[in-house]
């Protein structure tokens, strides 16, 4: 008779907590980059004008920023493009929207 293995309840709960925290961490990163990284070179208003653009357009903009010296990793660029394109509540809050 085949046996079925199940994840123990603590493992399931730990996974649920981890998955639930992921969007909040991404939103926090978005807010941090909008307020700190973007404003190293230009006013926050400039970044906020890009909120809602297509992710590919945002990736191009962010990649150019990186080439010009912005401290953005490739994963930062991916996260910021996603955050700014949706836009997240953190991005809206950072931009006063």
PDB file of N, CA and C in Angstrom:
ATOM      1  N   UNK A   1       0.845  -1.174   0.000  1.00  0.00           N
ATOM      2  CA  UNK A   1       0.000   0.000   0.000  1.00  0.00           C
ATOM      3  C   UNK A   1       0.898   1.248   0.000  1.00  0.00           C
ATOM      4  N   UNK A   2       0.710   2.168  -0.953  1.00  0.00           N
ATOM      5  CA  UNK A   2       1.535   3.371  -0.996  1.00  0.00           C
ATOM      6  C   UNK A   2       1.224   4.282   0.182  1.00  0.00           C
ATOM      7  N   UNK A   3       2.250   4.956   0.645  1.00  0.00           N
ATOM      8  CA  UNK A   3       2.037   5.902   1.734  1.00  0.00           C
ATOM      9  C   UNK A   3       2.026   7.311   1.172  1.00  0.00           C
ATOM     10  N   UNK A   4       1.256   8.135   1.774  1.00  0.00           N
ATOM     11  CA  UNK A   4       1.179   9.533   1.382  1.00  0.00           C
ATOM     12  C   UNK A   4       1.870  10.349   2.452  1.00  0.00           C
ATOM     13  N   UNK A   5       2.739  11.241   2.034  1.00  0.00           N
ATOM     14  CA  UNK A   5       3.408  12.083   3.022  1.00  0.00           C
ATOM     15  C   UNK A   5       2.785  13.470   2.996  1.00  0.00           C
ATOM     16  N   UNK A   6       2.646  14.000   4.159  1.00  0.00           N
ATOM     17  CA  UNK A   6       2.081  15.331   4.324  1.00  0.00           C
ATOM     18  C   UNK A   6       3.100  16.205   5.033  1.00  0.00           C
ATOM     19  N   UNK A   7       3.043  17.488   4.763  1.00  0.00           N
ATOM     20  CA  UNK A   7       3.888  18.416   5.501  1.00  0.00           C
ATOM     21  C   UNK A   7       3.325  18.563   6.905  1.00  0.00           C
ATOM     22  N   UNK A   8       4.178  18.588   7.908  1.00  0.00           N
ATOM     23  CA  UNK A   8       3.678  18.812   9.260  1.00  0.00           C
ATOM     24  C   UNK A   8       3.103  20.221   9.375  1.00  0.00           C
ATOM     25  N   UNK A   9       2.167  20.382  10.266  1.00  0.00           N
ATOM     26  CA  UNK A   9       1.477  21.658  10.445  1.00  0.00           C
ATOM     27  C   UNK A   9       2.441  22.826  10.673  1.00  0.00           C
ATOM     28  N   UNK A  10       3.485  22.694  11.510  1.00  0.00           N
ATOM     29  CA  UNK A  10       4.402  23.834  11.669  1.00  0.00           C
ATOM     30  C   UNK A  10       5.067  24.256  10.355  1.00  0.00           C
ATOM     31  N   UNK A  11       5.386  23.302   9.494  1.00  0.00           N
ATOM     32  CA  UNK A  11       5.998  23.642   8.207  1.00  0.00           C
ATOM     33  C   UNK A  11       5.011  24.392   7.324  1.00  0.00           C
ATOM     34  N   UNK A  12       3.771  23.976   7.348  1.00  0.00           N
ATOM     35  CA  UNK A  12       2.728  24.649   6.560  1.00  0.00           C
ATOM     36  C   UNK A  12       2.531  26.076   7.060  1.00  0.00           C
ATOM     37  N   UNK A  13       2.488  26.242   8.376  1.00  0.00           N
ATOM     38  CA  UNK A  13       2.314  27.581   8.941  1.00  0.00           C
ATOM     39  C   UNK A  13       3.506  28.482   8.619  1.00  0.00           C
ATOM     40  N   UNK A  14       4.712  27.940   8.695  1.00  0.00           N
ATOM     41  CA  UNK A  14       5.902  28.729   8.369  1.00  0.00           C
ATOM     42  C   UNK A  14       5.874  29.169   6.908  1.00  0.00           C
ATOM     43  N   UNK A  15       5.473  28.276   6.019  1.00  0.00           N
ATOM     44  CA  UNK A  15       5.379  28.605   4.600  1.00  0.00           C
ATOM     45  C   UNK A  15       4.328  29.688   4.363  1.00  0.00           C
ATOM     46  N   UNK A  16       3.199  29.583   5.042  1.00  0.00           N
ATOM     47  CA  UNK A  16       2.137  30.578   4.891  1.00  0.00           C
ATOM     48  C   UNK A  16       2.610  31.958   5.342  1.00  0.00           C
ATOM     49  N   UNK A  17       3.332  32.003   6.452  1.00  0.00           N
ATOM     50  CA  UNK A  17       3.849  33.285   6.951  1.00  0.00           C
ATOM     51  C   UNK A  17       4.853  33.868   5.967  1.00  0.00           C
ATOM     52  N   UNK A  18       5.734  33.030   5.449  1.00  0.00           N
ATOM     53  CA  UNK A  18       6.734  33.483   4.486  1.00  0.00           C
ATOM     54  C   UNK A  18       6.074  34.043   3.232  1.00  0.00           C
ATOM     55  N   UNK A  19       5.094  33.343   2.698  1.00  0.00           N
ATOM     56  CA  UNK A  19       4.418  33.798   1.482  1.00  0.00           C
ATOM     57  C   UNK A  19       3.618  35.068   1.726  1.00  0.00           C
ATOM     58  N   UNK A  20       3.015  35.181   2.892  1.00  0.00           N
ATOM     59  CA  UNK A  20       2.227  36.372   3.201  1.00  0.00           C
ATOM     60  C   UNK A  20       3.120  37.594   3.362  1.00  0.00           C
ATOM     61  N   UNK A  21       4.342  37.410   3.833  1.00  0.00           N
ATOM     62  CA  UNK A  21       5.241  38.539   4.075  1.00  0.00           C
ATOM     63  C   UNK A  21       5.911  39.032   2.803  1.00  0.00           C
ATOM     64  N   UNK A  22       5.973  38.221   1.770  1.00  0.00           N
ATOM     65  CA  UNK A  22       6.699  38.579   0.552  1.00  0.00           C
ATOM     66  C   UNK A  22       6.181  39.859  -0.105  1.00  0.00           C
ATOM     67  N   UNK A  23       4.869  40.038  -0.344  1.00  0.00           N
ATOM     68  CA  UNK A  23       4.414  41.292  -0.961  1.00  0.00           C
ATOM     69  C   UNK A  23       4.733  42.513  -0.111  1.00  0.00           C
ATOM     70  N   UNK A  24       4.646  42.377   1.203  1.00  0.00           N
ATOM     71  CA  UNK A  24       4.952  43.508   2.076  1.00  0.00           C
ATOM     72  C   UNK A  24       6.418  43.901   1.946  1.00  0.00           C
ATOM     73  N   UNK A  25       7.305  42.919   1.872  1.00  0.00           N
ATOM     74  CA  UNK A  25       8.726  43.219   1.710  1.00  0.00           C
ATOM     75  C   UNK A  25       8.979  43.911   0.376  1.00  0.00           C
ATOM     76  N   UNK A  26       8.313  43.460  -0.672  1.00  0.00           N
ATOM     77  CA  UNK A  26       8.478  44.085  -1.988  1.00  0.00           C
ATOM     78  C   UNK A  26       7.975  45.524  -1.959  1.00  0.00           C
ATOM     79  N   UNK A  27       6.839  45.742  -1.299  1.00  0.00           N
ATOM     80  CA  UNK A  27       6.294  47.089  -1.200  1.00  0.00           C
ATOM     81  C   UNK A  27       7.230  47.984  -0.400  1.00  0.00           C
ATOM     82  N   UNK A  28       7.804  47.441   0.691  1.00  0.00           N
ATOM     83  CA  UNK A  28       8.755  48.214   1.478  1.00  0.00           C
ATOM     84  C   UNK A  28       9.968  48.589   0.642  1.00  0.00           C
ATOM     85  N   UNK A  29      10.453  47.661  -0.173  1.00  0.00           N
ATOM     86  CA  UNK A  29      11.608  47.928  -1.032  1.00  0.00           C
ATOM     87  C   UNK A  29      11.268  49.013  -2.046  1.00  0.00           C
ATOM     88  N   UNK A  30      10.067  48.959  -2.589  1.00  0.00           N
ATOM     89  CA  UNK A  30       9.631  49.959  -3.565  1.00  0.00           C
ATOM     90  C   UNK A  30       9.616  51.340  -2.920  1.00  0.00           C
ATOM     91  N   UNK A  31       9.015  51.426  -1.767  1.00  0.00           N
ATOM     92  CA  UNK A  31       8.940  52.688  -1.044  1.00  0.00           C
ATOM     93  C   UNK A  31      10.347  53.208  -0.745  1.00  0.00           C
ATOM     94  N   UNK A  32      11.235  52.319  -0.293  1.00  0.00           N
ATOM     95  CA  UNK A  32      12.614  52.699   0.030  1.00  0.00           C
ATOM     96  C   UNK A  32      13.332  53.245  -1.198  1.00  0.00           C
ATOM     97  N   UNK A  33      13.220  52.536  -2.313  1.00  0.00           N
ATOM     98  CA  UNK A  33      13.912  52.982  -3.524  1.00  0.00           C
ATOM     99  C   UNK A  33      13.341  54.288  -4.052  1.00  0.00           C
ATOM    100  N   UNK A  34      12.027  54.426  -4.029  1.00  0.00           N
ATOM    101  CA  UNK A  34      11.433  55.677  -4.503  1.00  0.00           C
ATOM    102  C   UNK A  34      11.923  56.854  -3.674  1.00  0.00           C
ATOM    103  N   UNK A  35      11.945  56.673  -2.359  1.00  0.00           N
ATOM    104  CA  UNK A  35      12.306  57.778  -1.473  1.00  0.00           C
ATOM    105  C   UNK A  35      13.802  58.020  -1.383  1.00  0.00           C
ATOM    106  N   UNK A  36      14.609  56.958  -1.511  1.00  0.00           N
ATOM    107  CA  UNK A  36      16.042  57.127  -1.274  1.00  0.00           C
ATOM    108  C   UNK A  36      16.867  57.056  -2.558  1.00  0.00           C
ATOM    109  N   UNK A  37      16.720  55.990  -3.321  1.00  0.00           N
ATOM    110  CA  UNK A  37      17.560  55.802  -4.501  1.00  0.00           C
ATOM    111  C   UNK A  37      17.223  56.818  -5.583  1.00  0.00           C
ATOM    112  N   UNK A  38      15.950  56.952  -5.898  1.00  0.00           N
ATOM    113  CA  UNK A  38      15.548  57.851  -6.984  1.00  0.00           C
ATOM    114  C   UNK A  38      15.904  59.299  -6.676  1.00  0.00           C
ATOM    115  N   UNK A  39      15.741  59.679  -5.409  1.00  0.00           N
ATOM    116  CA  UNK A  39      15.964  61.081  -5.050  1.00  0.00           C
ATOM    117  C   UNK A  39      17.436  61.434  -4.886  1.00  0.00           C
ATOM    118  N   UNK A  40      18.329  60.469  -5.064  1.00  0.00           N
ATOM    119  CA  UNK A  40      19.758  60.801  -5.067  1.00  0.00           C
ATOM    120  C   UNK A  40      20.116  61.658  -6.271  1.00  0.00           C
ATOM    121  N   UNK A  41      19.354  61.518  -7.355  1.00  0.00           N
ATOM    122  CA  UNK A  41      19.689  62.228  -8.596  1.00  0.00           C
ATOM    123  C   UNK A  41      18.638  63.236  -9.036  1.00  0.00           C
ATOM    124  N   UNK A  42      17.404  63.054  -8.646  1.00  0.00           N
ATOM    125  CA  UNK A  42      16.351  63.961  -9.101  1.00  0.00           C
ATOM    126  C   UNK A  42      15.210  63.987  -8.101  1.00  0.00           C
ATOM    127  N   UNK A  43      14.309  64.963  -8.213  1.00  0.00           N
ATOM    128  CA  UNK A  43      13.177  65.054  -7.288  1.00  0.00           C
ATOM    129  C   UNK A  43      12.275  63.822  -7.382  1.00  0.00           C
ATOM    130  N   UNK A  44      11.632  63.483  -6.275  1.00  0.00           N
ATOM    131  CA  UNK A  44      10.720  62.344  -6.230  1.00  0.00           C
ATOM    132  C   UNK A  44       9.631  62.472  -7.290  1.00  0.00           C
ATOM    133  N   UNK A  45       9.227  63.694  -7.592  1.00  0.00           N
ATOM    134  CA  UNK A  45       8.187  63.931  -8.594  1.00  0.00           C
ATOM    135  C   UNK A  45       8.533  63.276  -9.932  1.00  0.00           C
ATOM    136  N   UNK A  46       9.811  63.288 -10.305  1.00  0.00           N
ATOM    137  CA  UNK A  46      10.240  62.693 -11.575  1.00  0.00           C
ATOM    138  C   UNK A  46       9.947  61.195 -11.578  1.00  0.00           C
ATOM    139  N   UNK A  47      10.274  60.506 -10.484  1.00  0.00           N
ATOM    140  CA  UNK A  47       9.997  59.069 -10.386  1.00  0.00           C
ATOM    141  C   UNK A  47       8.493  58.817 -10.348  1.00  0.00           C
ATOM    142  N   UNK A  48       7.779  59.648  -9.612  1.00  0.00           N
ATOM    143  CA  UNK A  48       6.331  59.457  -9.472  1.00  0.00           C
ATOM    144  C   UNK A  48       5.593  59.632 -10.799  1.00  0.00           C
ATOM    145  N   UNK A  49       6.147  60.416 -11.705  1.00  0.00           N
ATOM    146  CA  UNK A  49       5.531  60.577 -13.025  1.00  0.00           C
ATOM    147  C   UNK A  49       5.570  59.279 -13.827  1.00  0.00           C
ATOM    148  N   UNK A  50       6.438  58.343 -13.442  1.00  0.00           N
ATOM    149  CA  UNK A  50       6.559  57.071 -14.152  1.00  0.00           C
ATOM    150  C   UNK A  50       5.615  55.998 -13.607  1.00  0.00           C
ATOM    151  N   UNK A  51       4.971  56.267 -12.476  1.00  0.00           N
ATOM    152  CA  UNK A  51       4.058  55.298 -11.864  1.00  0.00           C
ATOM    153  C   UNK A  51       2.960  54.941 -12.862  1.00  0.00           C
ATOM    154  N   UNK A  52       2.723  53.644 -13.025  1.00  0.00           N
ATOM    155  CA  UNK A  52       1.668  53.165 -13.907  1.00  0.00           C
ATOM    156  C   UNK A  52       2.131  52.843 -15.320  1.00  0.00           C
ATOM    157  N   UNK A  53       3.382  53.143 -15.650  1.00  0.00           N
ATOM    158  CA  UNK A  53       3.898  52.800 -16.980  1.00  0.00           C
ATOM    159  C   UNK A  53       4.081  51.291 -17.115  1.00  0.00           C
ATOM    160  N   UNK A  54       4.243  50.837 -18.346  1.00  0.00           N
ATOM    161  CA  UNK A  54       4.439  49.406 -18.628  1.00  0.00           C
ATOM    162  C   UNK A  54       5.748  48.937 -17.989  1.00  0.00           C
ATOM    163  N   UNK A  55       5.766  47.716 -17.428  1.00  0.00           N
ATOM    164  CA  UNK A  55       6.983  47.209 -16.777  1.00  0.00           C
ATOM    165  C   UNK A  55       8.228  47.238 -17.666  1.00  0.00           C
ATOM    166  N   UNK A  56       8.084  46.915 -18.938  1.00  0.00           N
ATOM    167  CA  UNK A  56       9.253  46.930 -19.828  1.00  0.00           C
ATOM    168  C   UNK A  56       9.821  48.334 -19.996  1.00  0.00           C
ATOM    169  N   UNK A  57       8.945  49.320 -20.087  1.00  0.00           N
ATOM    170  CA  UNK A  57       9.396  50.710 -20.187  1.00  0.00           C
ATOM    171  C   UNK A  57      10.129  51.119 -18.910  1.00  0.00           C
ATOM    172  N   UNK A  58       9.576  50.703 -17.769  1.00  0.00           N
ATOM    173  CA  UNK A  58      10.208  51.025 -16.496  1.00  0.00           C
ATOM    174  C   UNK A  58      11.564  50.340 -16.356  1.00  0.00           C
ATOM    175  N   UNK A  59      11.668  49.098 -16.822  1.00  0.00           N
ATOM    176  CA  UNK A  59      12.955  48.384 -16.765  1.00  0.00           C
ATOM    177  C   UNK A  59      14.011  49.119 -17.584  1.00  0.00           C
ATOM    178  N   UNK A  60      13.614  49.636 -18.745  1.00  0.00           N
ATOM    179  CA  UNK A  60      14.554  50.398 -19.575  1.00  0.00           C
ATOM    180  C   UNK A  60      15.014  51.664 -18.854  1.00  0.00           C
ATOM    181  N   UNK A  61      14.072  52.370 -18.262  1.00  0.00           N
ATOM    182  CA  UNK A  61      14.397  53.600 -17.535  1.00  0.00           C
ATOM    183  C   UNK A  61      15.324  53.286 -16.365  1.00  0.00           C
ATOM    184  N   UNK A  62      14.971  52.268 -15.583  1.00  0.00           N
ATOM    185  CA  UNK A  62      15.765  51.904 -14.411  1.00  0.00           C
ATOM    186  C   UNK A  62      17.148  51.391 -14.804  1.00  0.00           C
ATOM    187  N   UNK A  63      17.229  50.688 -15.920  1.00  0.00           N
ATOM    188  CA  UNK A  63      18.528  50.205 -16.403  1.00  0.00           C
ATOM    189  C   UNK A  63      19.422  51.373 -16.811  1.00  0.00           C
ATOM    190  N   UNK A  64      18.826  52.395 -17.433  1.00  0.00           N
ATOM    191  CA  UNK A  64      19.597  53.596 -17.781  1.00  0.00           C
ATOM    192  C   UNK A  64      20.083  54.305 -16.514  1.00  0.00           C
ATOM    193  N   UNK A  65      19.221  54.324 -15.506  1.00  0.00           N
ATOM    194  CA  UNK A  65      19.618  54.927 -14.234  1.00  0.00           C
ATOM    195  C   UNK A  65      20.817  54.178 -13.654  1.00  0.00           C
ATOM    196  N   UNK A  66      20.774  52.862 -13.746  1.00  0.00           N
ATOM    197  CA  UNK A  66      21.880  52.039 -13.236  1.00  0.00           C
ATOM    198  C   UNK A  66      23.173  52.355 -13.996  1.00  0.00           C
ATOM    199  N   UNK A  67      23.072  52.495 -15.316  1.00  0.00           N
ATOM    200  CA  UNK A  67      24.250  52.836 -16.122  1.00  0.00           C
ATOM    201  C   UNK A  67      24.810  54.210 -15.754  1.00  0.00           C
ATOM    202  N   UNK A  68      23.928  55.086 -15.266  1.00  0.00           N
ATOM    203  CA  UNK A  68      24.350  56.426 -14.857  1.00  0.00           C
ATOM    204  C   UNK A  68      24.781  56.486 -13.394  1.00  0.00           C
ATOM    205  N   UNK A  69      24.864  55.320 -12.740  1.00  0.00           N
ATOM    206  CA  UNK A  69      25.402  55.288 -11.384  1.00  0.00           C
ATOM    207  C   UNK A  69      24.431  54.964 -10.271  1.00  0.00           C
ATOM    208  N   UNK A  70      23.145  54.791 -10.577  1.00  0.00           N
ATOM    209  CA  UNK A  70      22.191  54.424  -9.523  1.00  0.00           C
ATOM    210  C   UNK A  70      22.548  53.047  -8.974  1.00  0.00           C
ATOM    211  N   UNK A  71      22.484  52.916  -7.663  1.00  0.00           N
ATOM    212  CA  UNK A  71      22.805  51.644  -7.028  1.00  0.00           C
ATOM    213  C   UNK A  71      21.576  50.745  -7.050  1.00  0.00           C
ATOM    214  N   UNK A  72      21.354  50.104  -8.187  1.00  0.00           N
ATOM    215  CA  UNK A  72      20.227  49.195  -8.385  1.00  0.00           C
ATOM    216  C   UNK A  72      20.753  47.877  -8.924  1.00  0.00           C
ATOM    217  N   UNK A  73      20.411  46.788  -8.246  1.00  0.00           N
ATOM    218  CA  UNK A  73      20.760  45.468  -8.767  1.00  0.00           C
ATOM    219  C   UNK A  73      19.723  45.075  -9.811  1.00  0.00           C
ATOM    220  N   UNK A  74      19.991  44.019 -10.523  1.00  0.00           N
ATOM    221  CA  UNK A  74      19.001  43.543 -11.503  1.00  0.00           C
ATOM    222  C   UNK A  74      17.710  43.147 -10.802  1.00  0.00           C
ATOM    223  N   UNK A  75      17.819  42.542  -9.630  1.00  0.00           N
ATOM    224  CA  UNK A  75      16.599  42.168  -8.905  1.00  0.00           C
ATOM    225  C   UNK A  75      15.866  43.411  -8.409  1.00  0.00           C
ATOM    226  N   UNK A  76      16.603  44.469  -8.039  1.00  0.00           N
ATOM    227  CA  UNK A  76      15.963  45.734  -7.665  1.00  0.00           C
ATOM    228  C   UNK A  76      15.176  46.296  -8.845  1.00  0.00           C
ATOM    229  N   UNK A  77      15.776  46.245 -10.030  1.00  0.00           N
ATOM    230  CA  UNK A  77      15.122  46.765 -11.237  1.00  0.00           C
ATOM    231  C   UNK A  77      13.841  45.996 -11.517  1.00  0.00           C
ATOM    232  N   UNK A  78      13.889  44.682 -11.420  1.00  0.00           N
ATOM    233  CA  UNK A  78      12.691  43.853 -11.632  1.00  0.00           C
ATOM    234  C   UNK A  78      11.605  44.217 -10.623  1.00  0.00           C
ATOM    235  N   UNK A  79      12.004  44.299  -9.351  1.00  0.00           N
ATOM    236  CA  UNK A  79      11.035  44.598  -8.291  1.00  0.00           C
ATOM    237  C   UNK A  79      10.444  45.991  -8.454  1.00  0.00           C
ATOM    238  N   UNK A  80      11.291  46.969  -8.771  1.00  0.00           N
ATOM    239  CA  UNK A  80      10.803  48.332  -8.937  1.00  0.00           C
ATOM    240  C   UNK A  80       9.883  48.464 -10.144  1.00  0.00           C
ATOM    241  N   UNK A  81      10.220  47.806 -11.241  1.00  0.00           N
ATOM    242  CA  UNK A  81       9.363  47.865 -12.432  1.00  0.00           C
ATOM    243  C   UNK A  81       7.994  47.278 -12.125  1.00  0.00           C
ATOM    244  N   UNK A  82       7.976  46.178 -11.399  1.00  0.00           N
ATOM    245  CA  UNK A  82       6.702  45.559 -11.018  1.00  0.00           C
ATOM    246  C   UNK A  82       5.929  46.476 -10.087  1.00  0.00           C
ATOM    247  N   UNK A  83       6.603  46.978  -9.083  1.00  0.00           N
ATOM    248  CA  UNK A  83       5.968  47.848  -8.095  1.00  0.00           C
ATOM    249  C   UNK A  83       5.400  49.111  -8.735  1.00  0.00           C
ATOM    250  N   UNK A  84       6.201  49.750  -9.563  1.00  0.00           N
ATOM    251  CA  UNK A  84       5.777  51.015 -10.151  1.00  0.00           C
ATOM    252  C   UNK A  84       4.724  50.839 -11.231  1.00  0.00           C
ATOM    253  N   UNK A  85       4.685  49.693 -11.881  1.00  0.00           N
ATOM    254  CA  UNK A  85       3.714  49.495 -12.958  1.00  0.00           C
ATOM    255  C   UNK A  85       2.335  49.168 -12.431  1.00  0.00           C
ATOM    256  N   UNK A  86       2.214  48.624 -11.239  1.00  0.00           N
ATOM    257  CA  UNK A  86       0.905  48.138 -10.787  1.00  0.00           C
ATOM    258  C   UNK A  86      -0.056  49.220 -10.338  1.00  0.00           C
ATOM    259  N   UNK A  87       0.219  50.283  -9.750  1.00  0.00           N
ATOM    260  CA  UNK A  87       1.241  50.575  -8.761  1.00  0.00           C
ATOM    261  C   UNK A  87       0.818  50.063  -7.393  1.00  0.00           C
ATOM    262  N   UNK A  88       1.766  49.764  -6.542  1.00  0.00           N
ATOM    263  CA  UNK A  88       1.476  49.252  -5.206  1.00  0.00           C
ATOM    264  C   UNK A  88       1.016  50.388  -4.299  1.00  0.00           C
ATOM    265  N   UNK A  89       0.445  50.015  -3.181  1.00  0.00           N
ATOM    266  CA  UNK A  89       0.024  51.023  -2.206  1.00  0.00           C
ATOM    267  C   UNK A  89       1.232  51.797  -1.689  1.00  0.00           C
ATOM    268  N   UNK A  90       2.372  51.105  -1.532  1.00  0.00           N
ATOM    269  CA  UNK A  90       3.585  51.777  -1.054  1.00  0.00           C
ATOM    270  C   UNK A  90       4.052  52.827  -2.056  1.00  0.00           C
ATOM    271  N   UNK A  91       3.990  52.494  -3.334  1.00  0.00           N
ATOM    272  CA  UNK A  91       4.395  53.453  -4.364  1.00  0.00           C
ATOM    273  C   UNK A  91       3.453  54.649  -4.372  1.00  0.00           C
ATOM    274  N   UNK A  92       2.160  54.394  -4.266  1.00  0.00           N
ATOM    275  CA  UNK A  92       1.192  55.490  -4.221  1.00  0.00           C
ATOM    276  C   UNK A  92       1.446  56.377  -3.011  1.00  0.00           C
ATOM    277  N   UNK A  93       1.686  55.749  -1.866  1.00  0.00           N
ATOM    278  CA  UNK A  93       1.920  56.509  -0.639  1.00  0.00           C
ATOM    279  C   UNK A  93       3.187  57.349  -0.747  1.00  0.00           C
ATOM    280  N   UNK A  94       4.247  56.765  -1.294  1.00  0.00           N
ATOM    281  CA  UNK A  94       5.505  57.502  -1.448  1.00  0.00           C
ATOM    282  C   UNK A  94       5.323  58.717  -2.350  1.00  0.00           C
ATOM    283  N   UNK A  95       4.420  58.598  -3.308  1.00  0.00           N
ATOM    284  CA  UNK A  95       4.178  59.681  -4.266  1.00  0.00           C
ATOM    285  C   UNK A  95       3.019  60.583  -3.857  1.00  0.00           C
ATOM    286  N   UNK A  96       2.442  60.308  -2.703  1.00  0.00           N
ATOM    287  CA  UNK A  96       1.340  61.132  -2.230  1.00  0.00           C
ATOM    288  C   UNK A  96       0.069  60.967  -3.030  1.00  0.00           C
ATOM    289  N   UNK A  97      -0.127  59.763  -3.572  1.00  0.00           N
ATOM    290  CA  UNK A  97      -1.325  59.505  -4.389  1.00  0.00           C
ATOM    291  C   UNK A  97      -2.298  58.625  -3.647  1.00  0.00           C
TER     292      UNK A  97
END
